[in-house]
Amino acid sequence: MNLTTITVSVETKKMLERLKGDLSWDEFLRHIAVEYSRIVRSKYAGKYLKERKLDDEEAEFILKSIEEGRKHWVSRE
């Protein structure tokens, strides 16, 4: 695995160290990136759904996908 360095302020590093707990920096930052992506996708999806009427089949598919995603994240914690 190739490694790199990220420069942040001392204050930011202290805040992140408190949040990361026992995780490695790689695990912690990957978790943050995945969660950020999930939040961005959900905001986009919410906007899309507000602008578009769904039929019952589409709504059922979306709800099923959300539930599968929740099961995936709960099993990883």
PDB file of N, CA and C in Angstrom:
ATOM      1  N   MET A   1       0.851  -1.178   0.000  1.00  0.00           N
ATOM      2  CA  MET A   1       0.000   0.000   0.000  1.00  0.00           C
ATOM      3  C   MET A   1       0.893   1.236   0.000  1.00  0.00           C
ATOM      4  N   ASN A   2       0.583   2.169  -0.876  1.00  0.00           N
ATOM      5  CA  ASN A   2       1.284   3.446  -0.896  1.00  0.00           C
ATOM      6  C   ASN A   2       0.682   4.354   0.155  1.00  0.00           C
ATOM      7  N   LEU A   3       1.521   5.128   0.826  1.00  0.00           N
ATOM      8  CA  LEU A   3       1.065   6.034   1.873  1.00  0.00           C
ATOM      9  C   LEU A   3       1.385   7.470   1.501  1.00  0.00           C
ATOM     10  N   THR A   4       0.669   8.398   2.121  1.00  0.00           N
ATOM     11  CA  THR A   4       0.868   9.814   1.869  1.00  0.00           C
ATOM     12  C   THR A   4       0.644  10.582   3.162  1.00  0.00           C
ATOM     13  N   THR A   5       0.893  11.861   3.139  1.00  0.00           N
ATOM     14  CA  THR A   5       0.703  12.727   4.298  1.00  0.00           C
ATOM     15  C   THR A   5      -0.317  13.804   3.955  1.00  0.00           C
ATOM     16  N   ILE A   6      -1.177  14.126   4.915  1.00  0.00           N
ATOM     17  CA  ILE A   6      -2.146  15.201   4.758  1.00  0.00           C
ATOM     18  C   ILE A   6      -1.853  16.228   5.842  1.00  0.00           C
ATOM     19  N   THR A   7      -1.661  17.475   5.462  1.00  0.00           N
ATOM     20  CA  THR A   7      -1.349  18.530   6.412  1.00  0.00           C
ATOM     21  C   THR A   7      -2.642  19.193   6.875  1.00  0.00           C
ATOM     22  N   VAL A   8      -2.834  19.238   8.190  1.00  0.00           N
ATOM     23  CA  VAL A   8      -3.989  19.911   8.790  1.00  0.00           C
ATOM     24  C   VAL A   8      -3.508  20.719   9.983  1.00  0.00           C
ATOM     25  N   SER A   9      -4.336  21.651  10.418  1.00  0.00           N
ATOM     26  CA  SER A   9      -3.966  22.456  11.590  1.00  0.00           C
ATOM     27  C   SER A   9      -3.970  21.582  12.840  1.00  0.00           C
ATOM     28  N   VAL A  10      -3.277  22.032  13.854  1.00  0.00           N
ATOM     29  CA  VAL A  10      -3.214  21.305  15.130  1.00  0.00           C
ATOM     30  C   VAL A  10      -4.614  21.152  15.715  1.00  0.00           C
ATOM     31  N   GLU A  11      -5.423  22.210  15.619  1.00  0.00           N
ATOM     32  CA  GLU A  11      -6.781  22.160  16.167  1.00  0.00           C
ATOM     33  C   GLU A  11      -7.619  21.098  15.453  1.00  0.00           C
ATOM     34  N   THR A  12      -7.513  21.040  14.132  1.00  0.00           N
ATOM     35  CA  THR A  12      -8.260  20.045  13.367  1.00  0.00           C
ATOM     36  C   THR A  12      -7.804  18.643  13.735  1.00  0.00           C
ATOM     37  N   LYS A  13      -6.503  18.434  13.853  1.00  0.00           N
ATOM     38  CA  LYS A  13      -5.989  17.103  14.194  1.00  0.00           C
ATOM     39  C   LYS A  13      -6.481  16.676  15.569  1.00  0.00           C
ATOM     40  N   LYS A  14      -6.488  17.567  16.540  1.00  0.00           N
ATOM     41  CA  LYS A  14      -6.971  17.215  17.876  1.00  0.00           C
ATOM     42  C   LYS A  14      -8.441  16.809  17.837  1.00  0.00           C
ATOM     43  N   MET A  15      -9.244  17.562  17.090  1.00  0.00           N
ATOM     44  CA  MET A  15     -10.661  17.239  16.974  1.00  0.00           C
ATOM     45  C   MET A  15     -10.841  15.871  16.319  1.00  0.00           C
ATOM     46  N   LEU A  16     -10.111  15.615  15.239  1.00  0.00           N
ATOM     47  CA  LEU A  16     -10.208  14.334  14.549  1.00  0.00           C
ATOM     48  C   LEU A  16      -9.711  13.172  15.417  1.00  0.00           C
ATOM     49  N   GLU A  17      -8.659  13.391  16.183  1.00  0.00           N
ATOM     50  CA  GLU A  17      -8.148  12.331  17.064  1.00  0.00           C
ATOM     51  C   GLU A  17      -9.193  11.913  18.095  1.00  0.00           C
ATOM     52  N   ARG A  18      -9.932  12.878  18.616  1.00  0.00           N
ATOM     53  CA  ARG A  18     -10.999  12.542  19.575  1.00  0.00           C
ATOM     54  C   ARG A  18     -12.086  11.713  18.911  1.00  0.00           C
ATOM     55  N   LEU A  19     -12.409  12.041  17.673  1.00  0.00           N
ATOM     56  CA  LEU A  19     -13.464  11.329  16.956  1.00  0.00           C
ATOM     57  C   LEU A  19     -13.040   9.937  16.505  1.00  0.00           C
ATOM     58  N   LYS A  20     -11.792   9.766  16.130  1.00  0.00           N
ATOM     59  CA  LYS A  20     -11.350   8.498  15.538  1.00  0.00           C
ATOM     60  C   LYS A  20     -11.203   7.376  16.551  1.00  0.00           C
ATOM     61  N   GLY A  21     -10.977   7.719  17.814  1.00  0.00           N
ATOM     62  CA  GLY A  21     -10.873   6.674  18.830  1.00  0.00           C
ATOM     63  C   GLY A  21      -9.758   5.688  18.506  1.00  0.00           C
ATOM     64  N   ASP A  22     -10.086   4.388  18.535  1.00  0.00           N
ATOM     65  CA  ASP A  22      -9.088   3.340  18.326  1.00  0.00           C
ATOM     66  C   ASP A  22      -8.857   2.989  16.863  1.00  0.00           C
ATOM     67  N   LEU A  23      -9.591   3.613  15.950  1.00  0.00           N
ATOM     68  CA  LEU A  23      -9.411   3.317  14.528  1.00  0.00           C
ATOM     69  C   LEU A  23      -8.063   3.845  14.040  1.00  0.00           C
ATOM     70  N   SER A  24      -7.515   3.200  13.017  1.00  0.00           N
ATOM     71  CA  SER A  24      -6.329   3.763  12.368  1.00  0.00           C
ATOM     72  C   SER A  24      -6.779   5.001  11.599  1.00  0.00           C
ATOM     73  N   TRP A  25      -5.810   5.850  11.253  1.00  0.00           N
ATOM     74  CA  TRP A  25      -6.167   7.036  10.476  1.00  0.00           C
ATOM     75  C   TRP A  25      -6.789   6.635   9.153  1.00  0.00           C
ATOM     76  N   ASP A  26      -6.264   5.602   8.512  1.00  0.00           N
ATOM     77  CA  ASP A  26      -6.804   5.151   7.239  1.00  0.00           C
ATOM     78  C   ASP A  26      -8.250   4.696   7.381  1.00  0.00           C
ATOM     79  N   GLU A  27      -8.530   3.881   8.397  1.00  0.00           N
ATOM     80  CA  GLU A  27      -9.905   3.406   8.627  1.00  0.00           C
ATOM     81  C   GLU A  27     -10.846   4.576   8.909  1.00  0.00           C
ATOM     82  N   PHE A  28     -10.399   5.474   9.766  1.00  0.00           N
ATOM     83  CA  PHE A  28     -11.225   6.612  10.156  1.00  0.00           C
ATOM     84  C   PHE A  28     -11.552   7.520   8.972  1.00  0.00           C
ATOM     85  N   LEU A  29     -10.539   7.884   8.198  1.00  0.00           N
ATOM     86  CA  LEU A  29     -10.767   8.782   7.063  1.00  0.00           C
ATOM     87  C   LEU A  29     -11.594   8.111   5.979  1.00  0.00           C
ATOM     88  N   ARG A  30     -11.403   6.818   5.778  1.00  0.00           N
ATOM     89  CA  ARG A  30     -12.229   6.088   4.810  1.00  0.00           C
ATOM     90  C   ARG A  30     -13.690   6.099   5.271  1.00  0.00           C
ATOM     91  N   HIS A  31     -13.917   5.884   6.572  1.00  0.00           N
ATOM     92  CA  HIS A  31     -15.277   5.911   7.129  1.00  0.00           C
ATOM     93  C   HIS A  31     -15.910   7.288   6.913  1.00  0.00           C
ATOM     94  N   ILE A  32     -15.159   8.343   7.168  1.00  0.00           N
ATOM     95  CA  ILE A  32     -15.667   9.697   6.961  1.00  0.00           C
ATOM     96  C   ILE A  32     -16.029   9.912   5.488  1.00  0.00           C
ATOM     97  N   ALA A  33     -15.169   9.465   4.575  1.00  0.00           N
ATOM     98  CA  ALA A  33     -15.419   9.639   3.150  1.00  0.00           C
ATOM     99  C   ALA A  33     -16.677   8.892   2.714  1.00  0.00           C
ATOM    100  N   VAL A  34     -16.850   7.676   3.202  1.00  0.00           N
ATOM    101  CA  VAL A  34     -18.032   6.886   2.846  1.00  0.00           C
ATOM    102  C   VAL A  34     -19.296   7.551   3.384  1.00  0.00           C
ATOM    103  N   GLU A  35     -19.256   7.992   4.631  1.00  0.00           N
ATOM    104  CA  GLU A  35     -20.419   8.649   5.227  1.00  0.00           C
ATOM    105  C   GLU A  35     -20.749   9.953   4.500  1.00  0.00           C
ATOM    106  N   TYR A  36     -19.735  10.720   4.147  1.00  0.00           N
ATOM    107  CA  TYR A  36     -19.963  11.965   3.412  1.00  0.00           C
ATOM    108  C   TYR A  36     -20.635  11.668   2.070  1.00  0.00           C
ATOM    109  N   SER A  37     -20.135  10.658   1.373  1.00  0.00           N
ATOM    110  CA  SER A  37     -20.727  10.270   0.087  1.00  0.00           C
ATOM    111  C   SER A  37     -22.178   9.857   0.255  1.00  0.00           C
ATOM    112  N   ARG A  38     -22.465   9.108   1.314  1.00  0.00           N
ATOM    113  CA  ARG A  38     -23.833   8.667   1.585  1.00  0.00           C
ATOM    114  C   ARG A  38     -24.745   9.868   1.820  1.00  0.00           C
ATOM    115  N   ILE A  39     -24.275  10.830   2.585  1.00  0.00           N
ATOM    116  CA  ILE A  39     -25.072  12.028   2.885  1.00  0.00           C
ATOM    117  C   ILE A  39     -25.342  12.825   1.611  1.00  0.00           C
ATOM    118  N   VAL A  40     -24.324  13.005   0.788  1.00  0.00           N
ATOM    119  CA  VAL A  40     -24.489  13.748  -0.458  1.00  0.00           C
ATOM    120  C   VAL A  40     -25.486  13.034  -1.366  1.00  0.00           C
ATOM    121  N   ARG A  41     -25.355  11.711  -1.485  1.00  0.00           N
ATOM    122  CA  ARG A  41     -26.291  10.950  -2.323  1.00  0.00           C
ATOM    123  C   ARG A  41     -27.713  11.057  -1.800  1.00  0.00           C
ATOM    124  N   SER A  42     -27.873  10.998  -0.475  1.00  0.00           N
ATOM    125  CA  SER A  42     -29.231  11.061   0.076  1.00  0.00           C
ATOM    126  C   SER A  42     -29.846  12.438  -0.141  1.00  0.00           C
ATOM    127  N   LYS A  43     -29.040  13.496  -0.048  1.00  0.00           N
ATOM    128  CA  LYS A  43     -29.559  14.838  -0.321  1.00  0.00           C
ATOM    129  C   LYS A  43     -29.985  14.957  -1.781  1.00  0.00           C
ATOM    130  N   TYR A  44     -29.163  14.436  -2.680  1.00  0.00           N
ATOM    131  CA  TYR A  44     -29.488  14.466  -4.104  1.00  0.00           C
ATOM    132  C   TYR A  44     -30.751  13.650  -4.373  1.00  0.00           C
ATOM    133  N   ALA A  45     -30.827  12.475  -3.758  1.00  0.00           N
ATOM    134  CA  ALA A  45     -31.997  11.612  -3.955  1.00  0.00           C
ATOM    135  C   ALA A  45     -33.258  12.287  -3.423  1.00  0.00           C
ATOM    136  N   GLY A  46     -33.164  12.938  -2.272  1.00  0.00           N
ATOM    137  CA  GLY A  46     -34.314  13.632  -1.715  1.00  0.00           C
ATOM    138  C   GLY A  46     -34.809  14.729  -2.633  1.00  0.00           C
ATOM    139  N   LYS A  47     -33.884  15.491  -3.175  1.00  0.00           N
ATOM    140  CA  LYS A  47     -34.253  16.555  -4.114  1.00  0.00           C
ATOM    141  C   LYS A  47     -34.908  15.962  -5.361  1.00  0.00           C
ATOM    142  N   TYR A  48     -34.326  14.895  -5.874  1.00  0.00           N
ATOM    143  CA  TYR A  48     -34.853  14.233  -7.067  1.00  0.00           C
ATOM    144  C   TYR A  48     -36.266  13.722  -6.815  1.00  0.00           C
ATOM    145  N   LEU A  49     -36.467  13.094  -5.662  1.00  0.00           N
ATOM    146  CA  LEU A  49     -37.778  12.519  -5.361  1.00  0.00           C
ATOM    147  C   LEU A  49     -38.842  13.592  -5.169  1.00  0.00           C
ATOM    148  N   LYS A  50     -38.461  14.738  -4.623  1.00  0.00           N
ATOM    149  CA  LYS A  50     -39.422  15.826  -4.455  1.00  0.00           C
ATOM    150  C   LYS A  50     -39.879  16.379  -5.800  1.00  0.00           C
ATOM    151  N   GLU A  51     -38.975  16.343  -6.780  1.00  0.00           N
ATOM    152  CA  GLU A  51     -39.284  16.907  -8.089  1.00  0.00           C
ATOM    153  C   GLU A  51     -39.984  15.922  -9.021  1.00  0.00           C
ATOM    154  N   ARG A  52     -40.074  14.668  -8.636  1.00  0.00           N
ATOM    155  CA  ARG A  52     -40.584  13.641  -9.538  1.00  0.00           C
ATOM    156  C   ARG A  52     -41.625  12.782  -8.827  1.00  0.00           C
ATOM    157  N   LYS A  53     -42.728  12.550  -9.488  1.00  0.00           N
ATOM    158  CA  LYS A  53     -43.747  11.638  -8.969  1.00  0.00           C
ATOM    159  C   LYS A  53     -43.320  10.208  -9.265  1.00  0.00           C
ATOM    160  N   LEU A  54     -43.452   9.335  -8.272  1.00  0.00           N
ATOM    161  CA  LEU A  54     -43.096   7.932  -8.453  1.00  0.00           C
ATOM    162  C   LEU A  54     -44.339   7.065  -8.472  1.00  0.00           C
ATOM    163  N   ASP A  55     -44.265   6.007  -9.256  1.00  0.00           N
ATOM    164  CA  ASP A  55     -45.349   5.035  -9.168  1.00  0.00           C
ATOM    165  C   ASP A  55     -45.024   4.086  -8.003  1.00  0.00           C
ATOM    166  N   ASP A  56     -45.948   3.241  -7.632  1.00  0.00           N
ATOM    167  CA  ASP A  56     -45.777   2.355  -6.477  1.00  0.00           C
ATOM    168  C   ASP A  56     -44.575   1.427  -6.622  1.00  0.00           C
ATOM    169  N   GLU A  57     -44.336   0.926  -7.814  1.00  0.00           N
ATOM    170  CA  GLU A  57     -43.226  -0.002  -8.040  1.00  0.00           C
ATOM    171  C   GLU A  57     -41.877   0.694  -7.819  1.00  0.00           C
ATOM    172  N   GLU A  58     -41.752   1.922  -8.309  1.00  0.00           N
ATOM    173  CA  GLU A  58     -40.514   2.680  -8.118  1.00  0.00           C
ATOM    174  C   GLU A  58     -40.288   2.993  -6.635  1.00  0.00           C
ATOM    175  N   ALA A  59     -41.337   3.412  -5.956  1.00  0.00           N
ATOM    176  CA  ALA A  59     -41.214   3.726  -4.532  1.00  0.00           C
ATOM    177  C   ALA A  59     -40.818   2.484  -3.736  1.00  0.00           C
ATOM    178  N   GLU A  60     -41.410   1.335  -4.055  1.00  0.00           N
ATOM    179  CA  GLU A  60     -41.083   0.090  -3.359  1.00  0.00           C
ATOM    180  C   GLU A  60     -39.617  -0.289  -3.597  1.00  0.00           C
ATOM    181  N   PHE A  61     -39.137  -0.132  -4.820  1.00  0.00           N
ATOM    182  CA  PHE A  61     -37.744  -0.441  -5.139  1.00  0.00           C
ATOM    183  C   PHE A  61     -36.796   0.441  -4.327  1.00  0.00           C
ATOM    184  N   ILE A  62     -37.096   1.732  -4.249  1.00  0.00           N
ATOM    185  CA  ILE A  62     -36.245   2.671  -3.509  1.00  0.00           C
ATOM    186  C   ILE A  62     -36.226   2.314  -2.030  1.00  0.00           C
ATOM    187  N   LEU A  63     -37.384   2.046  -1.453  1.00  0.00           N
ATOM    188  CA  LEU A  63     -37.439   1.683  -0.035  1.00  0.00           C
ATOM    189  C   LEU A  63     -36.675   0.396   0.242  1.00  0.00           C
ATOM    190  N   LYS A  64     -36.779  -0.577  -0.649  1.00  0.00           N
ATOM    191  CA  LYS A  64     -36.048  -1.833  -0.487  1.00  0.00           C
ATOM    192  C   LYS A  64     -34.540  -1.577  -0.545  1.00  0.00           C
ATOM    193  N   SER A  65     -34.102  -0.730  -1.449  1.00  0.00           N
ATOM    194  CA  SER A  65     -32.680  -0.408  -1.573  1.00  0.00           C
ATOM    195  C   SER A  65     -32.159   0.286  -0.319  1.00  0.00           C
ATOM    196  N   ILE A  66     -32.953   1.190   0.232  1.00  0.00           N
ATOM    197  CA  ILE A  66     -32.565   1.888   1.454  1.00  0.00           C
ATOM    198  C   ILE A  66     -32.414   0.896   2.597  1.00  0.00           C
ATOM    199  N   GLU A  67     -33.361  -0.011   2.738  1.00  0.00           N
ATOM    200  CA  GLU A  67     -33.310  -1.000   3.813  1.00  0.00           C
ATOM    201  C   GLU A  67     -32.087  -1.907   3.667  1.00  0.00           C
ATOM    202  N   GLU A  68     -31.766  -2.317   2.446  1.00  0.00           N
ATOM    203  CA  GLU A  68     -30.575  -3.143   2.220  1.00  0.00           C
ATOM    204  C   GLU A  68     -29.314  -2.371   2.590  1.00  0.00           C
ATOM    205  N   GLY A  69     -29.273  -1.080   2.277  1.00  0.00           N
ATOM    206  CA  GLY A  69     -28.135  -0.245   2.647  1.00  0.00           C
ATOM    207  C   GLY A  69     -27.989  -0.129   4.149  1.00  0.00           C
ATOM    208  N   ARG A  70     -29.092   0.026   4.842  1.00  0.00           N
ATOM    209  CA  ARG A  70     -29.046   0.102   6.308  1.00  0.00           C
ATOM    210  C   ARG A  70     -28.496  -1.188   6.906  1.00  0.00           C
ATOM    211  N   LYS A  71     -28.950  -2.323   6.399  1.00  0.00           N
ATOM    212  CA  LYS A  71     -28.464  -3.615   6.891  1.00  0.00           C
ATOM    213  C   LYS A  71     -26.960  -3.734   6.669  1.00  0.00           C
ATOM    214  N   HIS A  72     -26.498  -3.255   5.527  1.00  0.00           N
ATOM    215  CA  HIS A  72     -25.075  -3.310   5.204  1.00  0.00           C
ATOM    216  C   HIS A  72     -24.274  -2.484   6.212  1.00  0.00           C
ATOM    217  N   TRP A  73     -24.729  -1.257   6.496  1.00  0.00           N
ATOM    218  CA  TRP A  73     -23.964  -0.381   7.403  1.00  0.00           C
ATOM    219  C   TRP A  73     -24.048  -0.840   8.836  1.00  0.00           C
ATOM    220  N   VAL A  74     -25.191  -1.358   9.247  1.00  0.00           N
ATOM    221  CA  VAL A  74     -25.319  -1.844  10.625  1.00  0.00           C
ATOM    222  C   VAL A  74     -24.406  -3.028  10.841  1.00  0.00           C
ATOM    223  N   SER A  75     -24.283  -3.907   9.849  1.00  0.00           N
ATOM    224  CA  SER A  75     -23.430  -5.091   9.996  1.00  0.00           C
ATOM    225  C   SER A  75     -21.952  -4.724  10.026  1.00  0.00           C
ATOM    226  N   ARG A  76     -21.571  -3.542   9.536  1.00  0.00           N
ATOM    227  CA  ARG A  76     -20.159  -3.118   9.512  1.00  0.00           C
ATOM    228  C   ARG A  76     -19.753  -2.446  10.812  1.00  0.00           C
ATOM    229  N   GLU A  77     -20.700  -2.034  11.625  1.00  0.00           N
ATOM    230  CA  GLU A  77     -20.367  -1.295  12.844  1.00  0.00           C
ATOM    231  C   GLU A  77     -20.033  -2.208  13.978  1.00  0.00           C
TER     232      GLU A  77
END
